[in-house]
mmCIF file of all heavy atoms, coordinates in Angstrom:
data_MODEL
# 
_entry.id   MODEL 
# 
loop_
_atom_site.group_PDB 
_atom_site.id 
_atom_site.type_symbol 
_atom_site.label_atom_id 
_atom_site.label_alt_id 
_atom_site.label_comp_id 
_atom_site.label_asym_id 
_atom_site.label_entity_id 
_atom_site.label_seq_id 
_atom_site.pdbx_PDB_ins_code 
_atom_site.Cartn_x 
_atom_site.Cartn_y 
_atom_site.Cartn_z 
_atom_site.occupancy 
_atom_site.B_iso_or_equiv 
_atom_site.pdbx_formal_charge 
_atom_site.auth_seq_id 
_atom_site.auth_comp_id 
_atom_site.auth_asym_id 
_atom_site.auth_atom_id 
_atom_site.pdbx_PDB_model_num 
ATOM 1   N N   . GLU A 1 1  ? 11.326 84.968 38.538 1.00 0.00 ? 1  GLU A N   1 
ATOM 2   C CA  . GLU A 1 1  ? 10.766 83.820 39.247 1.00 0.00 ? 1  GLU A CA  1 
ATOM 3   C C   . GLU A 1 1  ? 10.615 84.133 40.729 1.00 0.00 ? 1  GLU A C   1 
ATOM 4   O O   . GLU A 1 1  ? 11.363 84.936 41.278 1.00 0.00 ? 1  GLU A O   1 
ATOM 5   C CB  . GLU A 1 1  ? 11.678 82.599 39.080 1.00 0.00 ? 1  GLU A CB  1 
ATOM 6   C CG  . GLU A 1 1  ? 11.772 82.103 37.631 1.00 0.00 ? 1  GLU A CG  1 
ATOM 7   C CD  . GLU A 1 1  ? 12.481 80.773 37.530 1.00 0.00 ? 1  GLU A CD  1 
ATOM 8   O OE1 . GLU A 1 1  ? 12.955 80.294 38.560 1.00 0.00 ? 1  GLU A OE1 1 
ATOM 9   O OE2 . GLU A 1 1  ? 12.545 80.224 36.416 1.00 0.00 ? 1  GLU A OE2 1 
ATOM 10  N N   . VAL A 1 2  ? 9.609  83.532 41.339 1.00 0.00 ? 2  VAL A N   1 
ATOM 11  C CA  . VAL A 1 2  ? 9.400  83.621 42.789 1.00 0.00 ? 2  VAL A CA  1 
ATOM 12  C C   . VAL A 1 2  ? 9.531  82.215 43.328 1.00 0.00 ? 2  VAL A C   1 
ATOM 13  O O   . VAL A 1 2  ? 8.713  81.340 43.031 1.00 0.00 ? 2  VAL A O   1 
ATOM 14  C CB  . VAL A 1 2  ? 7.996  84.187 43.096 1.00 0.00 ? 2  VAL A CB  1 
ATOM 15  C CG1 . VAL A 1 2  ? 7.798  84.241 44.605 1.00 0.00 ? 2  VAL A CG1 1 
ATOM 16  C CG2 . VAL A 1 2  ? 7.834  85.575 42.505 1.00 0.00 ? 2  VAL A CG2 1 
ATOM 17  N N   . HIS A 1 3  ? 10.595 81.984 44.076 1.00 0.00 ? 3  HIS A N   1 
ATOM 18  C CA  . HIS A 1 3  ? 10.852 80.641 44.625 1.00 0.00 ? 3  HIS A CA  1 
ATOM 19  C C   . HIS A 1 3  ? 10.786 79.582 43.515 1.00 0.00 ? 3  HIS A C   1 
ATOM 20  O O   . HIS A 1 3  ? 10.202 78.505 43.671 1.00 0.00 ? 3  HIS A O   1 
ATOM 21  C CB  . HIS A 1 3  ? 9.849  80.327 45.735 1.00 0.00 ? 3  HIS A CB  1 
ATOM 22  C CG  . HIS A 1 3  ? 9.911  81.267 46.871 1.00 0.00 ? 3  HIS A CG  1 
ATOM 23  N ND1 . HIS A 1 3  ? 10.825 81.149 47.897 1.00 0.00 ? 3  HIS A ND1 1 
ATOM 24  C CD2 . HIS A 1 3  ? 9.173  82.367 47.168 1.00 0.00 ? 3  HIS A CD2 1 
ATOM 25  C CE1 . HIS A 1 3  ? 10.649 82.131 48.775 1.00 0.00 ? 3  HIS A CE1 1 
ATOM 26  N NE2 . HIS A 1 3  ? 9.675  82.902 48.344 1.00 0.00 ? 3  HIS A NE2 1 
ATOM 27  N N   . GLY A 1 4  ? 11.398 79.917 42.361 1.00 0.00 ? 4  GLY A N   1 
ATOM 28  C CA  . GLY A 1 4  ? 11.452 78.971 41.254 1.00 0.00 ? 4  GLY A CA  1 
ATOM 29  C C   . GLY A 1 4  ? 10.230 78.902 40.380 1.00 0.00 ? 4  GLY A C   1 
ATOM 30  O O   . GLY A 1 4  ? 10.185 78.103 39.443 1.00 0.00 ? 4  GLY A O   1 
ATOM 31  N N   . VAL A 1 5  ? 9.190  79.707 40.679 1.00 0.00 ? 5  VAL A N   1 
ATOM 32  C CA  . VAL A 1 5  ? 7.957  79.680 39.892 1.00 0.00 ? 5  VAL A CA  1 
ATOM 33  C C   . VAL A 1 5  ? 7.920  80.912 39.002 1.00 0.00 ? 5  VAL A C   1 
ATOM 34  O O   . VAL A 1 5  ? 7.903  82.041 39.498 1.00 0.00 ? 5  VAL A O   1 
ATOM 35  C CB  . VAL A 1 5  ? 6.719  79.663 40.816 1.00 0.00 ? 5  VAL A CB  1 
ATOM 36  C CG1 . VAL A 1 5  ? 5.461  79.652 39.964 1.00 0.00 ? 5  VAL A CG1 1 
ATOM 37  C CG2 . VAL A 1 5  ? 6.753  78.459 41.735 1.00 0.00 ? 5  VAL A CG2 1 
ATOM 38  N N   . PRO A 1 6  ? 7.911  80.737 37.692 1.00 0.00 ? 6  PRO A N   1 
ATOM 39  C CA  . PRO A 1 6  ? 7.845  81.906 36.793 1.00 0.00 ? 6  PRO A CA  1 
ATOM 40  C C   . PRO A 1 6  ? 6.532  82.655 36.942 1.00 0.00 ? 6  PRO A C   1 
ATOM 41  O O   . PRO A 1 6  ? 5.454  82.055 37.063 1.00 0.00 ? 6  PRO A O   1 
ATOM 42  C CB  . PRO A 1 6  ? 7.962  81.283 35.402 1.00 0.00 ? 6  PRO A CB  1 
ATOM 43  C CG  . PRO A 1 6  ? 8.480  79.900 35.615 1.00 0.00 ? 6  PRO A CG  1 
ATOM 44  C CD  . PRO A 1 6  ? 7.984  79.479 36.963 1.00 0.00 ? 6  PRO A CD  1 
ATOM 45  N N   . GLU A 1 7  ? 6.609  83.982 36.978 1.00 0.00 ? 7  GLU A N   1 
ATOM 46  C CA  . GLU A 1 7  ? 5.405  84.803 37.064 1.00 0.00 ? 7  GLU A CA  1 
ATOM 47  C C   . GLU A 1 7  ? 4.670  84.805 35.726 1.00 0.00 ? 7  GLU A C   1 
ATOM 48  O O   . GLU A 1 7  ? 3.446  84.937 35.684 1.00 0.00 ? 7  GLU A O   1 
ATOM 49  C CB  . GLU A 1 7  ? 5.780  86.242 37.433 1.00 0.00 ? 7  GLU A CB  1 
ATOM 50  C CG  . GLU A 1 7  ? 6.416  86.376 38.796 1.00 0.00 ? 7  GLU A CG  1 
ATOM 51  C CD  . GLU A 1 7  ? 7.243  87.638 38.929 1.00 0.00 ? 7  GLU A CD  1 
ATOM 52  O OE1 . GLU A 1 7  ? 7.420  88.329 37.905 1.00 0.00 ? 7  GLU A OE1 1 
ATOM 53  O OE2 . GLU A 1 7  ? 7.720  87.921 40.029 1.00 0.00 ? 7  GLU A OE2 1 
ATOM 54  N N   . SER A 1 8  ? 5.429  84.717 34.663 1.00 0.00 ? 8  SER A N   1 
ATOM 55  C CA  . SER A 1 8  ? 4.828  84.781 33.333 1.00 0.00 ? 8  SER A CA  1 
ATOM 56  C C   . SER A 1 8  ? 5.209  83.553 32.541 1.00 0.00 ? 8  SER A C   1 
ATOM 57  O O   . SER A 1 8  ? 6.373  83.214 32.417 1.00 0.00 ? 8  SER A O   1 
ATOM 58  C CB  . SER A 1 8  ? 5.316  86.018 32.577 1.00 0.00 ? 8  SER A CB  1 
ATOM 59  O OG  . SER A 1 8  ? 4.922  85.987 31.237 1.00 0.00 ? 8  SER A OG  1 
ATOM 60  N N   . GLY A 1 9  ? 4.194  82.875 31.998 1.00 0.00 ? 9  GLY A N   1 
ATOM 61  C CA  . GLY A 1 9  ? 4.464  81.661 31.268 1.00 0.00 ? 9  GLY A CA  1 
ATOM 62  C C   . GLY A 1 9  ? 4.489  81.812 29.777 1.00 0.00 ? 9  GLY A C   1 
ATOM 63  O O   . GLY A 1 9  ? 4.963  80.964 29.052 1.00 0.00 ? 9  GLY A O   1 
ATOM 64  N N   . PHE A 1 10 ? 3.952  82.953 29.270 1.00 0.00 ? 10 PHE A N   1 
ATOM 65  C CA  . PHE A 1 10 ? 3.836  83.116 27.808 1.00 0.00 ? 10 PHE A CA  1 
ATOM 66  C C   . PHE A 1 10 ? 5.200  83.088 27.124 1.00 0.00 ? 10 PHE A C   1 
ATOM 67  O O   . PHE A 1 10 ? 5.353  82.516 26.051 1.00 0.00 ? 10 PHE A O   1 
ATOM 68  C CB  . PHE A 1 10 ? 3.108  84.405 27.463 1.00 0.00 ? 10 PHE A CB  1 
ATOM 69  C CG  . PHE A 1 10 ? 3.048  84.643 25.985 1.00 0.00 ? 10 PHE A CG  1 
ATOM 70  C CD1 . PHE A 1 10 ? 2.184  83.927 25.178 1.00 0.00 ? 10 PHE A CD1 1 
ATOM 71  C CD2 . PHE A 1 10 ? 3.924  85.528 25.379 1.00 0.00 ? 10 PHE A CD2 1 
ATOM 72  C CE1 . PHE A 1 10 ? 2.158  84.105 23.808 1.00 0.00 ? 10 PHE A CE1 1 
ATOM 73  C CE2 . PHE A 1 10 ? 3.902  85.713 24.006 1.00 0.00 ? 10 PHE A CE2 1 
ATOM 74  C CZ  . PHE A 1 10 ? 3.016  85.001 23.229 1.00 0.00 ? 10 PHE A CZ  1 
ATOM 75  N N   . ALA A 1 11 ? 6.173  83.703 27.748 1.00 0.00 ? 11 ALA A N   1 
ATOM 76  C CA  . ALA A 1 11 ? 7.464  83.869 27.102 1.00 0.00 ? 11 ALA A CA  1 
ATOM 77  C C   . ALA A 1 11 ? 8.169  82.543 26.872 1.00 0.00 ? 11 ALA A C   1 
ATOM 78  O O   . ALA A 1 11 ? 9.134  82.465 26.103 1.00 0.00 ? 11 ALA A O   1 
ATOM 79  C CB  . ALA A 1 11 ? 8.356  84.772 27.939 1.00 0.00 ? 11 ALA A CB  1 
ATOM 80  N N   . ARG A 1 12 ? 7.699  81.447 27.480 1.00 0.00 ? 12 ARG A N   1 
ATOM 81  C CA  . ARG A 1 12 ? 8.360  80.147 27.289 1.00 0.00 ? 12 ARG A CA  1 
ATOM 82  C C   . ARG A 1 12 ? 8.209  79.673 25.840 1.00 0.00 ? 12 ARG A C   1 
ATOM 83  O O   . ARG A 1 12 ? 9.060  78.977 25.314 1.00 0.00 ? 12 ARG A O   1 
ATOM 84  C CB  . ARG A 1 12 ? 7.754  79.109 28.234 1.00 0.00 ? 12 ARG A CB  1 
ATOM 85  C CG  . ARG A 1 12 ? 7.888  79.498 29.707 1.00 0.00 ? 12 ARG A CG  1 
ATOM 86  C CD  . ARG A 1 12 ? 7.060  78.542 30.557 1.00 0.00 ? 12 ARG A CD  1 
ATOM 87  N NE  . ARG A 1 12 ? 6.894  79.081 31.895 1.00 0.00 ? 12 ARG A NE  1 
ATOM 88  C CZ  . ARG A 1 12 ? 5.962  78.662 32.734 1.00 0.00 ? 12 ARG A CZ  1 
ATOM 89  N NH1 . ARG A 1 12 ? 5.121  77.707 32.383 1.00 0.00 ? 12 ARG A NH1 1 
ATOM 90  N NH2 . ARG A 1 12 ? 5.862  79.187 33.929 1.00 0.00 ? 12 ARG A NH2 1 
ATOM 91  N N   . VAL A 1 13 ? 7.075  79.983 25.223 1.00 0.00 ? 13 VAL A N   1 
ATOM 92  C CA  . VAL A 1 13 ? 6.856  79.681 23.801 1.00 0.00 ? 13 VAL A CA  1 
ATOM 93  C C   . VAL A 1 13 ? 6.201  80.912 23.209 1.00 0.00 ? 13 VAL A C   1 
ATOM 94  O O   . VAL A 1 13 ? 5.001  81.083 23.299 1.00 0.00 ? 13 VAL A O   1 
ATOM 95  C CB  . VAL A 1 13 ? 5.938  78.453 23.611 1.00 0.00 ? 13 VAL A CB  1 
ATOM 96  C CG1 . VAL A 1 13 ? 5.779  78.132 22.121 1.00 0.00 ? 13 VAL A CG1 1 
ATOM 97  C CG2 . VAL A 1 13 ? 6.494  77.238 24.335 1.00 0.00 ? 13 VAL A CG2 1 
ATOM 98  N N   . SER A 1 14 ? 6.985  81.796 22.627 1.00 0.00 ? 14 SER A N   1 
ATOM 99  C CA  . SER A 1 14 ? 6.463  83.091 22.245 1.00 0.00 ? 14 SER A CA  1 
ATOM 100 C C   . SER A 1 14 ? 6.095  83.201 20.763 1.00 0.00 ? 14 SER A C   1 
ATOM 101 O O   . SER A 1 14 ? 5.332  84.064 20.390 1.00 0.00 ? 14 SER A O   1 
ATOM 102 C CB  . SER A 1 14 ? 7.465  84.186 22.598 1.00 0.00 ? 14 SER A CB  1 
ATOM 103 O OG  . SER A 1 14 ? 8.699  83.942 21.956 1.00 0.00 ? 14 SER A OG  1 
ATOM 104 N N   . GLU A 1 15 ? 6.665  82.339 19.926 1.00 0.00 ? 15 GLU A N   1 
ATOM 105 C CA  . GLU A 1 15 ? 6.406  82.484 18.489 1.00 0.00 ? 15 GLU A CA  1 
ATOM 106 C C   . GLU A 1 15 ? 5.259  81.601 18.037 1.00 0.00 ? 15 GLU A C   1 
ATOM 107 O O   . GLU A 1 15 ? 5.002  80.551 18.616 1.00 0.00 ? 15 GLU A O   1 
ATOM 108 C CB  . GLU A 1 15 ? 7.675  82.128 17.696 1.00 0.00 ? 15 GLU A CB  1 
ATOM 109 C CG  . GLU A 1 15 ? 8.808  83.132 17.887 1.00 0.00 ? 15 GLU A CG  1 
ATOM 110 C CD  . GLU A 1 15 ? 9.983  82.822 16.983 1.00 0.00 ? 15 GLU A CD  1 
ATOM 111 O OE1 . GLU A 1 15 ? 9.944  81.758 16.316 1.00 0.00 ? 15 GLU A OE1 1 
ATOM 112 O OE2 . GLU A 1 15 ? 10.937 83.614 16.954 1.00 0.00 ? 15 GLU A OE2 1 
ATOM 113 N N   . PRO A 1 16 ? 4.583  82.005 16.956 1.00 0.00 ? 16 PRO A N   1 
ATOM 114 C CA  . PRO A 1 16 ? 3.554  81.129 16.377 1.00 0.00 ? 16 PRO A CA  1 
ATOM 115 C C   . PRO A 1 16 ? 4.190  79.853 15.878 1.00 0.00 ? 16 PRO A C   1 
ATOM 116 O O   . PRO A 1 16 ? 5.372  79.776 15.584 1.00 0.00 ? 16 PRO A O   1 
ATOM 117 C CB  . PRO A 1 16 ? 2.994  81.953 15.227 1.00 0.00 ? 16 PRO A CB  1 
ATOM 118 C CG  . PRO A 1 16 ? 3.370  83.361 15.526 1.00 0.00 ? 16 PRO A CG  1 
ATOM 119 C CD  . PRO A 1 16 ? 4.671  83.300 16.253 1.00 0.00 ? 16 PRO A CD  1 
ATOM 120 N N   . GLY A 1 17 ? 3.394  78.816 15.800 1.00 0.00 ? 17 GLY A N   1 
ATOM 121 C CA  . GLY A 1 17 ? 3.868  77.531 15.353 1.00 0.00 ? 17 GLY A CA  1 
ATOM 122 C C   . GLY A 1 17 ? 3.097  76.428 16.048 1.00 0.00 ? 17 GLY A C   1 
ATOM 123 O O   . GLY A 1 17 ? 2.284  76.697 16.924 1.00 0.00 ? 17 GLY A O   1 
ATOM 124 N N   . LYS A 1 18 ? 3.367  75.203 15.687 1.00 0.00 ? 18 LYS A N   1 
ATOM 125 C CA  . LYS A 1 18 ? 2.622  74.092 16.276 1.00 0.00 ? 18 LYS A CA  1 
ATOM 126 C C   . LYS A 1 18 ? 2.864  73.991 17.775 1.00 0.00 ? 18 LYS A C   1 
ATOM 127 O O   . LYS A 1 18 ? 2.004  73.556 18.537 1.00 0.00 ? 18 LYS A O   1 
ATOM 128 C CB  . LYS A 1 18 ? 2.996  72.798 15.589 1.00 0.00 ? 18 LYS A CB  1 
ATOM 129 C CG  . LYS A 1 18 ? 2.476  72.714 14.146 1.00 0.00 ? 18 LYS A CG  1 
ATOM 130 C CD  . LYS A 1 18 ? 2.805  71.374 13.516 1.00 0.00 ? 18 LYS A CD  1 
ATOM 131 C CE  . LYS A 1 18 ? 2.274  71.318 12.082 1.00 0.00 ? 18 LYS A CE  1 
ATOM 132 N NZ  . LYS A 1 18 ? 2.596  70.028 11.429 1.00 0.00 ? 18 LYS A NZ  1 
ATOM 133 N N   . ALA A 1 19 ? 4.061  74.404 18.211 1.00 0.00 ? 19 ALA A N   1 
ATOM 134 C CA  . ALA A 1 19 ? 4.361  74.360 19.634 1.00 0.00 ? 19 ALA A CA  1 
ATOM 135 C C   . ALA A 1 19 ? 3.401  75.253 20.418 1.00 0.00 ? 19 ALA A C   1 
ATOM 136 O O   . ALA A 1 19 ? 3.026  74.961 21.553 1.00 0.00 ? 19 ALA A O   1 
ATOM 137 C CB  . ALA A 1 19 ? 5.801  74.789 19.894 1.00 0.00 ? 19 ALA A CB  1 
ATOM 138 N N   . GLN A 1 20 ? 2.989  76.365 19.808 1.00 0.00 ? 20 GLN A N   1 
ATOM 139 C CA  . GLN A 1 20 ? 2.045  77.274 20.459 1.00 0.00 ? 20 GLN A CA  1 
ATOM 140 C C   . GLN A 1 20 ? 0.682  76.600 20.623 1.00 0.00 ? 20 GLN A C   1 
ATOM 141 O O   . GLN A 1 20 ? -0.003 76.769 21.620 1.00 0.00 ? 20 GLN A O   1 
ATOM 142 C CB  . GLN A 1 20 ? 1.911  78.542 19.640 1.00 0.00 ? 20 GLN A CB  1 
ATOM 143 C CG  . GLN A 1 20 ? 1.185  79.677 20.325 1.00 0.00 ? 20 GLN A CG  1 
ATOM 144 C CD  . GLN A 1 20 ? 1.966  80.257 21.474 1.00 0.00 ? 20 GLN A CD  1 
ATOM 145 O OE1 . GLN A 1 20 ? 1.558  80.116 22.621 1.00 0.00 ? 20 GLN A OE1 1 
ATOM 146 N NE2 . GLN A 1 20 ? 3.082  80.889 21.201 1.00 0.00 ? 20 GLN A NE2 1 
ATOM 147 N N   . ALA A 1 21 ? 0.280  75.843 19.600 1.00 0.00 ? 21 ALA A N   1 
ATOM 148 C CA  . ALA A 1 21 ? -1.026 75.187 19.658 1.00 0.00 ? 21 ALA A CA  1 
ATOM 149 C C   . ALA A 1 21 ? -1.024 74.001 20.600 1.00 0.00 ? 21 ALA A C   1 
ATOM 150 O O   . ALA A 1 21 ? -2.022 73.707 21.233 1.00 0.00 ? 21 ALA A O   1 
ATOM 151 C CB  . ALA A 1 21 ? -1.433 74.730 18.261 1.00 0.00 ? 21 ALA A CB  1 
ATOM 152 N N   . GLU A 1 22 ? 0.121  73.346 20.711 1.00 0.00 ? 22 GLU A N   1 
ATOM 153 C CA  . GLU A 1 22 ? 0.177  72.107 21.470 1.00 0.00 ? 22 GLU A CA  1 
ATOM 154 C C   . GLU A 1 22 ? 0.555  72.323 22.923 1.00 0.00 ? 22 GLU A C   1 
ATOM 155 O O   . GLU A 1 22 ? 0.426  71.396 23.724 1.00 0.00 ? 22 GLU A O   1 
ATOM 156 C CB  . GLU A 1 22 ? 1.171  71.162 20.805 1.00 0.00 ? 22 GLU A CB  1 
ATOM 157 C CG  . GLU A 1 22 ? 0.721  70.702 19.417 1.00 0.00 ? 22 GLU A CG  1 
ATOM 158 C CD  . GLU A 1 22 ? 1.818  69.996 18.651 1.00 0.00 ? 22 GLU A CD  1 
ATOM 159 O OE1 . GLU A 1 22 ? 2.968  69.932 19.163 1.00 0.00 ? 22 GLU A OE1 1 
ATOM 160 O OE2 . GLU A 1 22 ? 1.534  69.519 17.531 1.00 0.00 ? 22 GLU A OE2 1 
ATOM 161 N N   . ARG A 1 23 ? 1.022  73.488 23.292 1.00 0.00 ? 23 ARG A N   1 
ATOM 162 C CA  . ARG A 1 23 ? 1.455  73.714 24.675 1.00 0.00 ? 23 ARG A CA  1 
ATOM 163 C C   . ARG A 1 23 ? 0.235  73.695 25.602 1.00 0.00 ? 23 ARG A C   1 
ATOM 164 O O   . ARG A 1 23 ? -0.879 74.082 25.218 1.00 0.00 ? 23 ARG A O   1 
ATOM 165 C CB  . ARG A 1 23 ? 2.163  75.066 24.790 1.00 0.00 ? 23 ARG A CB  1 
ATOM 166 C CG  . ARG A 1 23 ? 1.257  76.260 24.594 1.00 0.00 ? 23 ARG A CG  1 
ATOM 167 C CD  . ARG A 1 23 ? 2.001  77.577 24.541 1.00 0.00 ? 23 ARG A CD  1 
ATOM 168 N NE  . ARG A 1 23 ? 2.756  77.814 25.748 1.00 0.00 ? 23 ARG A NE  1 
ATOM 169 C CZ  . ARG A 1 23 ? 3.227  79.012 26.103 1.00 0.00 ? 23 ARG A CZ  1 
ATOM 170 N NH1 . ARG A 1 23 ? 3.003  80.056 25.322 1.00 0.00 ? 23 ARG A NH1 1 
ATOM 171 N NH2 . ARG A 1 23 ? 3.896  79.186 27.195 1.00 0.00 ? 23 ARG A NH2 1 
ATOM 172 N N   . PRO A 1 24 ? 0.412  73.270 26.841 1.00 0.00 ? 24 PRO A N   1 
ATOM 173 C CA  . PRO A 1 24 ? -0.728 73.267 27.774 1.00 0.00 ? 24 PRO A CA  1 
ATOM 174 C C   . PRO A 1 24 ? -1.068 74.659 28.245 1.00 0.00 ? 24 PRO A C   1 
ATOM 175 O O   . PRO A 1 24 ? -0.176 75.522 28.359 1.00 0.00 ? 24 PRO A O   1 
ATOM 176 C CB  . PRO A 1 24 ? -0.215 72.395 28.926 1.00 0.00 ? 24 PRO A CB  1 
ATOM 177 C CG  . PRO A 1 24 ? 1.270  72.537 28.887 1.00 0.00 ? 24 PRO A CG  1 
ATOM 178 C CD  . PRO A 1 24 ? 1.628  72.688 27.430 1.00 0.00 ? 24 PRO A CD  1 
ATOM 179 N N   . LEU A 1 25 ? -2.323 74.905 28.499 1.00 0.00 ? 25 LEU A N   1 
ATOM 180 C CA  . LEU A 1 25 ? -2.736 76.208 29.018 1.00 0.00 ? 25 LEU A CA  1 
ATOM 181 C C   . LEU A 1 25 ? -2.187 76.374 30.444 1.00 0.00 ? 25 LEU A C   1 
ATOM 182 O O   . LEU A 1 25 ? -1.709 77.461 30.809 1.00 0.00 ? 25 LEU A O   1 
ATOM 183 C CB  . LEU A 1 25 ? -4.246 76.326 29.019 1.00 0.00 ? 25 LEU A CB  1 
ATOM 184 C CG  . LEU A 1 25 ? -4.810 77.721 29.297 1.00 0.00 ? 25 LEU A CG  1 
ATOM 185 C CD1 . LEU A 1 25 ? -4.424 78.686 28.180 1.00 0.00 ? 25 LEU A CD1 1 
ATOM 186 C CD2 . LEU A 1 25 ? -6.332 77.673 29.443 1.00 0.00 ? 25 LEU A CD2 1 
ATOM 187 N N   . VAL A 1 26 ? -2.252 75.316 31.235 1.00 0.00 ? 26 VAL A N   1 
ATOM 188 C CA  . VAL A 1 26 ? -1.684 75.318 32.586 1.00 0.00 ? 26 VAL A CA  1 
ATOM 189 C C   . VAL A 1 26 ? -0.609 74.253 32.623 1.00 0.00 ? 26 VAL A C   1 
ATOM 190 O O   . VAL A 1 26 ? -0.860 73.081 32.322 1.00 0.00 ? 26 VAL A O   1 
ATOM 191 C CB  . VAL A 1 26 ? -2.757 75.014 33.649 1.00 0.00 ? 26 VAL A CB  1 
ATOM 192 C CG1 . VAL A 1 26 ? -2.113 74.944 35.041 1.00 0.00 ? 26 VAL A CG1 1 
ATOM 193 C CG2 . VAL A 1 26 ? -3.849 76.073 33.614 1.00 0.00 ? 26 VAL A CG2 1 
ATOM 194 N N   . GLY A 1 27 ? 0.612  74.671 32.953 1.00 0.00 ? 27 GLY A N   1 
ATOM 195 C CA  . GLY A 1 27 ? 1.722  73.718 32.984 1.00 0.00 ? 27 GLY A CA  1 
ATOM 196 C C   . GLY A 1 27 ? 2.960  74.352 33.558 1.00 0.00 ? 27 GLY A C   1 
ATOM 197 O O   . GLY A 1 27 ? 3.106  75.574 33.613 1.00 0.00 ? 27 GLY A O   1 
ATOM 198 N N   . THR A 1 28 ? 3.900  73.551 33.967 1.00 0.00 ? 28 THR A N   1 
ATOM 199 C CA  . THR A 1 28 ? 5.143  74.035 34.538 1.00 0.00 ? 28 THR A CA  1 
ATOM 200 C C   . THR A 1 28 ? 6.048  74.606 33.459 1.00 0.00 ? 28 THR A C   1 
ATOM 201 O O   . THR A 1 28 ? 5.748  74.518 32.257 1.00 0.00 ? 28 THR A O   1 
ATOM 202 C CB  . THR A 1 28 ? 5.883  72.897 35.252 1.00 0.00 ? 28 THR A CB  1 
ATOM 203 O OG1 . THR A 1 28 ? 6.207  71.884 34.291 1.00 0.00 ? 28 THR A OG1 1 
ATOM 204 C CG2 . THR A 1 28 ? 5.013  72.281 36.350 1.00 0.00 ? 28 THR A CG2 1 
# 
């Protein structure tokens, strides 16, 4: 993280599943 901002967002939801489809493209 840089000042609390993650550089990479993909790892927050990495597995296939409905969560992958429903996650926002841009989001905290």
